[in-house]
């Protein structure tokens, strides 16, 4: 039985020369690979049946080099009672309940 790529099971990574052998294999592969601008051109276009409207909108945003919307942090704010209610125990109780709900 062949078990592949299980770091807790595989042995021999610490053997002398193992790293040099791995680097040599990588360099050999890099000599064969000649990247082009469109290195995926020989593959068929992906099927779009799983492409949702949200994904389409995001791809359009990236194609048009538009910045990503920043995250609205309003829902994470925990406001204290208004200035006139800062001594009101019930107002503070509502603020604490709101923070617990958050």
N, C-alpha and C. Protein backbone atom coordinates (compact mmCIF):
# COMPACT_ATOMS: atom_id res chain seq x y z
N UNK A 1 0.85 -1.18 0.00
CA UNK A 1 0.00 0.00 0.00
C UNK A 1 0.89 1.24 0.00
N UNK A 2 0.63 2.17 -0.90
CA UNK A 2 1.41 3.39 -1.00
C UNK A 2 0.70 4.49 -0.24
N UNK A 3 1.38 5.08 0.71
CA UNK A 3 0.84 6.22 1.44
C UNK A 3 1.68 7.42 1.03
N UNK A 4 1.03 8.45 0.49
CA UNK A 4 1.75 9.58 -0.07
C UNK A 4 1.46 10.86 0.71
N UNK A 5 2.51 11.63 1.04
CA UNK A 5 2.39 12.98 1.61
C UNK A 5 1.71 13.01 2.97
N UNK A 6 2.11 12.13 3.85
CA UNK A 6 1.64 12.19 5.23
C UNK A 6 2.84 12.50 6.12
N UNK A 7 3.04 13.76 6.48
CA UNK A 7 4.25 14.14 7.19
C UNK A 7 4.42 13.44 8.54
N UNK A 8 3.35 13.04 9.18
CA UNK A 8 3.48 12.34 10.45
C UNK A 8 3.83 10.87 10.23
N UNK A 9 3.76 10.38 9.00
CA UNK A 9 4.02 8.98 8.69
C UNK A 9 5.32 8.81 7.90
N UNK A 10 5.55 9.74 6.97
CA UNK A 10 6.73 9.64 6.10
C UNK A 10 8.02 9.70 6.91
N UNK A 11 9.00 9.00 6.41
CA UNK A 11 10.30 8.94 7.07
C UNK A 11 11.37 9.41 6.09
N UNK A 12 12.52 9.77 6.59
CA UNK A 12 13.66 10.04 5.74
C UNK A 12 13.90 11.49 5.40
N UNK A 13 13.08 12.40 5.91
CA UNK A 13 13.29 13.81 5.58
C UNK A 13 14.59 14.35 6.18
N UNK A 14 15.03 13.76 7.27
CA UNK A 14 16.24 14.23 7.95
C UNK A 14 17.49 13.50 7.48
N UNK A 15 17.33 12.56 6.55
CA UNK A 15 18.50 11.83 6.05
C UNK A 15 19.46 12.78 5.36
N UNK A 16 20.76 12.52 5.46
CA UNK A 16 21.74 13.37 4.76
C UNK A 16 21.48 13.33 3.25
N UNK A 17 21.46 14.49 2.63
CA UNK A 17 21.26 14.59 1.19
C UNK A 17 19.81 14.64 0.75
N UNK A 18 18.85 14.44 1.63
CA UNK A 18 17.44 14.43 1.24
C UNK A 18 17.02 15.80 0.71
N UNK A 19 17.43 16.85 1.41
CA UNK A 19 17.06 18.21 0.98
C UNK A 19 17.72 18.53 -0.36
N UNK A 20 18.99 18.19 -0.50
CA UNK A 20 19.69 18.46 -1.77
C UNK A 20 19.04 17.72 -2.92
N UNK A 21 18.60 16.50 -2.68
CA UNK A 21 17.93 15.72 -3.71
C UNK A 21 16.60 16.39 -4.12
N UNK A 22 15.84 16.87 -3.12
CA UNK A 22 14.56 17.53 -3.40
C UNK A 22 14.79 18.82 -4.20
N UNK A 23 15.80 19.60 -3.82
CA UNK A 23 16.11 20.84 -4.53
C UNK A 23 16.52 20.53 -5.97
N UNK A 24 17.29 19.48 -6.18
CA UNK A 24 17.72 19.09 -7.53
C UNK A 24 16.52 18.70 -8.38
N UNK A 25 15.56 17.97 -7.82
CA UNK A 25 14.35 17.60 -8.55
C UNK A 25 13.54 18.84 -8.94
N UNK A 26 13.44 19.79 -8.02
CA UNK A 26 12.70 21.02 -8.30
C UNK A 26 13.39 21.81 -9.41
N UNK A 27 14.70 21.93 -9.34
CA UNK A 27 15.43 22.68 -10.37
C UNK A 27 15.31 22.00 -11.73
N UNK A 28 15.32 20.69 -11.75
CA UNK A 28 15.16 19.95 -13.00
C UNK A 28 13.79 20.24 -13.62
N UNK A 29 12.75 20.23 -12.79
CA UNK A 29 11.41 20.52 -13.27
C UNK A 29 11.30 21.96 -13.75
N UNK A 30 11.95 22.88 -13.06
CA UNK A 30 11.90 24.29 -13.46
C UNK A 30 12.57 24.50 -14.82
N UNK A 31 13.55 23.70 -15.16
CA UNK A 31 14.20 23.82 -16.47
C UNK A 31 13.26 23.39 -17.60
N UNK A 32 12.34 22.48 -17.30
CA UNK A 32 11.40 21.99 -18.31
C UNK A 32 10.21 22.93 -18.50
N UNK A 33 9.87 23.68 -17.47
CA UNK A 33 8.69 24.53 -17.48
C UNK A 33 9.06 25.91 -18.00
N UNK A 34 8.50 26.29 -19.11
CA UNK A 34 8.73 27.61 -19.70
C UNK A 34 7.41 28.38 -19.67
N UNK A 35 7.20 29.21 -18.65
CA UNK A 35 5.92 29.91 -18.54
C UNK A 35 5.72 30.92 -19.67
N UNK A 36 4.48 31.05 -20.08
CA UNK A 36 4.09 32.06 -21.05
C UNK A 36 3.05 32.96 -20.40
N UNK A 37 2.66 33.99 -21.10
CA UNK A 37 1.67 34.90 -20.52
C UNK A 37 0.36 34.17 -20.22
N UNK A 38 -0.07 33.32 -21.13
CA UNK A 38 -1.30 32.54 -20.92
C UNK A 38 -0.94 31.06 -20.91
N UNK A 39 -0.40 30.61 -19.79
CA UNK A 39 0.06 29.23 -19.71
C UNK A 39 -1.08 28.22 -19.54
N UNK A 40 -2.31 28.69 -19.41
CA UNK A 40 -3.46 27.80 -19.29
C UNK A 40 -4.25 27.70 -20.59
N UNK A 41 -3.73 28.25 -21.68
CA UNK A 41 -4.50 28.33 -22.91
C UNK A 41 -4.88 26.97 -23.48
N UNK A 42 -4.11 25.93 -23.19
CA UNK A 42 -4.44 24.62 -23.74
C UNK A 42 -5.53 23.89 -22.94
N UNK A 43 -5.94 24.46 -21.81
CA UNK A 43 -7.02 23.87 -21.03
C UNK A 43 -8.36 24.45 -21.49
N UNK A 44 -9.45 23.66 -21.39
CA UNK A 44 -10.76 24.21 -21.75
C UNK A 44 -11.20 25.24 -20.71
N UNK A 45 -12.08 26.14 -21.13
CA UNK A 45 -12.60 27.13 -20.19
C UNK A 45 -13.43 26.42 -19.12
N UNK A 46 -13.40 26.92 -17.90
CA UNK A 46 -14.17 26.25 -16.83
C UNK A 46 -15.67 26.34 -17.07
N UNK A 47 -16.36 25.34 -16.59
CA UNK A 47 -17.82 25.30 -16.69
C UNK A 47 -18.38 26.33 -15.70
N UNK A 48 -19.30 27.16 -16.15
CA UNK A 48 -19.81 28.23 -15.29
C UNK A 48 -21.11 27.88 -14.57
N UNK A 49 -21.47 26.61 -14.53
CA UNK A 49 -22.74 26.27 -13.89
C UNK A 49 -22.70 26.46 -12.37
N UNK A 50 -21.49 26.53 -11.80
CA UNK A 50 -21.38 26.76 -10.36
C UNK A 50 -21.07 28.22 -10.04
N UNK A 51 -21.03 29.05 -11.06
CA UNK A 51 -20.70 30.45 -10.86
C UNK A 51 -21.94 31.21 -10.40
N UNK A 52 -21.91 31.69 -9.18
CA UNK A 52 -23.04 32.43 -8.62
C UNK A 52 -22.96 33.89 -9.04
N UNK A 53 -24.02 34.63 -8.81
CA UNK A 53 -24.04 36.05 -9.15
C UNK A 53 -23.01 36.80 -8.31
N UNK A 54 -22.83 36.40 -7.06
CA UNK A 54 -21.84 37.04 -6.20
C UNK A 54 -20.44 36.83 -6.77
N UNK A 55 -20.16 35.62 -7.20
CA UNK A 55 -18.85 35.33 -7.79
C UNK A 55 -18.65 36.10 -9.09
N UNK A 56 -19.69 36.19 -9.93
CA UNK A 56 -19.60 36.96 -11.17
C UNK A 56 -19.30 38.42 -10.87
N UNK A 57 -20.00 38.98 -9.88
CA UNK A 57 -19.77 40.38 -9.51
C UNK A 57 -18.35 40.59 -9.02
N UNK A 58 -17.84 39.66 -8.25
CA UNK A 58 -16.48 39.78 -7.74
C UNK A 58 -15.46 39.68 -8.87
N UNK A 59 -15.68 38.77 -9.81
CA UNK A 59 -14.77 38.65 -10.94
C UNK A 59 -14.80 39.92 -11.80
N UNK A 60 -15.98 40.51 -11.99
CA UNK A 60 -16.08 41.78 -12.72
C UNK A 60 -15.33 42.88 -11.99
N UNK A 61 -15.46 42.92 -10.67
CA UNK A 61 -14.76 43.94 -9.87
C UNK A 61 -13.25 43.81 -10.06
N UNK A 62 -12.76 42.57 -10.01
CA UNK A 62 -11.32 42.35 -10.15
C UNK A 62 -10.86 42.66 -11.57
N UNK A 63 -11.65 42.31 -12.58
CA UNK A 63 -11.30 42.60 -13.98
C UNK A 63 -11.19 44.10 -14.21
N UNK A 64 -12.07 44.85 -13.57
CA UNK A 64 -12.08 46.31 -13.73
C UNK A 64 -11.14 47.02 -12.76
N UNK A 65 -10.35 46.26 -12.00
CA UNK A 65 -9.37 46.81 -11.05
C UNK A 65 -10.01 47.77 -10.05
N UNK A 66 -11.21 47.43 -9.62
CA UNK A 66 -11.88 48.24 -8.61
C UNK A 66 -11.49 47.75 -7.22
N UNK A 67 -11.42 48.65 -6.26
CA UNK A 67 -11.05 48.23 -4.91
C UNK A 67 -12.18 47.42 -4.25
N UNK A 68 -11.80 46.58 -3.32
CA UNK A 68 -12.78 45.78 -2.59
C UNK A 68 -13.51 46.66 -1.58
N UNK A 69 -14.78 46.40 -1.40
CA UNK A 69 -15.54 47.15 -0.40
C UNK A 69 -14.96 46.88 0.97
N UNK A 70 -14.86 47.92 1.78
CA UNK A 70 -14.35 47.70 3.13
C UNK A 70 -15.46 47.07 3.99
N UNK A 71 -15.04 46.38 5.01
CA UNK A 71 -15.99 45.71 5.89
C UNK A 71 -16.69 46.74 6.75
N UNK A 72 -18.01 46.64 6.84
CA UNK A 72 -18.79 47.53 7.68
C UNK A 72 -18.67 47.05 9.13
N UNK A 73 -18.00 47.83 9.93
CA UNK A 73 -17.75 47.45 11.33
C UNK A 73 -18.84 47.96 12.27
N UNK A 74 -19.88 48.60 11.75
CA UNK A 74 -20.94 49.17 12.57
C UNK A 74 -21.57 48.13 13.50
N UNK A 75 -21.77 46.91 12.99
CA UNK A 75 -22.44 45.90 13.80
C UNK A 75 -21.59 45.43 14.98
N UNK A 76 -20.29 45.72 14.97
CA UNK A 76 -19.42 45.30 16.06
C UNK A 76 -19.21 46.38 17.11
N UNK A 77 -19.78 47.55 16.86
CA UNK A 77 -19.64 48.63 17.83
C UNK A 77 -20.53 48.37 19.04
N UNK A 78 -20.06 48.75 20.18
CA UNK A 78 -20.83 48.60 21.42
C UNK A 78 -21.04 49.99 22.02
N UNK A 79 -22.09 50.68 21.57
CA UNK A 79 -22.29 52.06 22.02
C UNK A 79 -22.71 52.12 23.50
N UNK A 80 -22.20 53.13 24.14
CA UNK A 80 -22.64 53.37 25.51
C UNK A 80 -23.89 54.23 25.47
N UNK A 81 -24.57 54.39 26.59
CA UNK A 81 -25.78 55.23 26.60
C UNK A 81 -25.47 56.66 26.16
N UNK A 82 -26.48 57.33 25.64
CA UNK A 82 -26.33 58.73 25.21
C UNK A 82 -25.86 59.59 26.38
N UNK A 83 -25.31 60.74 26.05
CA UNK A 83 -24.71 61.62 27.05
C UNK A 83 -25.67 61.92 28.21
N UNK A 84 -26.92 62.18 27.92
CA UNK A 84 -27.88 62.51 28.97
C UNK A 84 -28.32 61.32 29.80
N UNK A 85 -28.01 60.09 29.35
CA UNK A 85 -28.46 58.90 30.05
C UNK A 85 -27.32 58.12 30.72
N UNK A 86 -26.16 58.73 30.83
CA UNK A 86 -25.00 58.01 31.36
C UNK A 86 -25.11 57.68 32.85
N UNK A 87 -26.02 58.32 33.54
CA UNK A 87 -26.23 57.99 34.96
C UNK A 87 -27.47 57.12 35.14
N UNK A 88 -28.13 56.77 34.06
CA UNK A 88 -29.36 55.96 34.10
C UNK A 88 -28.99 54.47 34.09
N UNK A 89 -29.34 53.77 35.16
CA UNK A 89 -29.00 52.36 35.30
C UNK A 89 -29.69 51.52 34.21
N UNK A 90 -30.93 51.85 33.86
CA UNK A 90 -31.65 51.09 32.83
C UNK A 90 -30.99 51.26 31.46
N UNK A 91 -30.50 52.44 31.17
CA UNK A 91 -29.81 52.68 29.89
C UNK A 91 -28.54 51.83 29.82
N UNK A 92 -27.82 51.76 30.93
CA UNK A 92 -26.60 50.92 30.95
C UNK A 92 -26.96 49.44 30.85
N UNK A 93 -28.06 49.05 31.47
CA UNK A 93 -28.49 47.66 31.37
C UNK A 93 -28.79 47.30 29.90
N UNK A 94 -29.45 48.20 29.18
CA UNK A 94 -29.72 47.97 27.75
C UNK A 94 -28.43 47.89 26.96
N UNK A 95 -27.46 48.71 27.29
CA UNK A 95 -26.15 48.66 26.59
C UNK A 95 -25.46 47.34 26.85
N UNK A 96 -25.52 46.88 28.09
CA UNK A 96 -24.89 45.59 28.43
C UNK A 96 -25.61 44.45 27.71
N UNK A 97 -26.93 44.48 27.68
CA UNK A 97 -27.68 43.44 26.95
C UNK A 97 -27.34 43.45 25.46
N UNK A 98 -27.18 44.64 24.90
CA UNK A 98 -26.79 44.76 23.50
C UNK A 98 -25.41 44.15 23.28
N UNK A 99 -24.48 44.41 24.19
CA UNK A 99 -23.13 43.85 24.05
C UNK A 99 -23.16 42.34 24.15
N UNK A 100 -24.01 41.79 25.00
CA UNK A 100 -24.11 40.34 25.10
C UNK A 100 -24.69 39.73 23.82
N UNK A 101 -25.64 40.45 23.22
CA UNK A 101 -26.22 39.98 21.96
C UNK A 101 -25.19 40.02 20.83
N UNK A 102 -24.29 41.01 20.89
CA UNK A 102 -23.26 41.12 19.87
C UNK A 102 -22.31 39.95 19.96
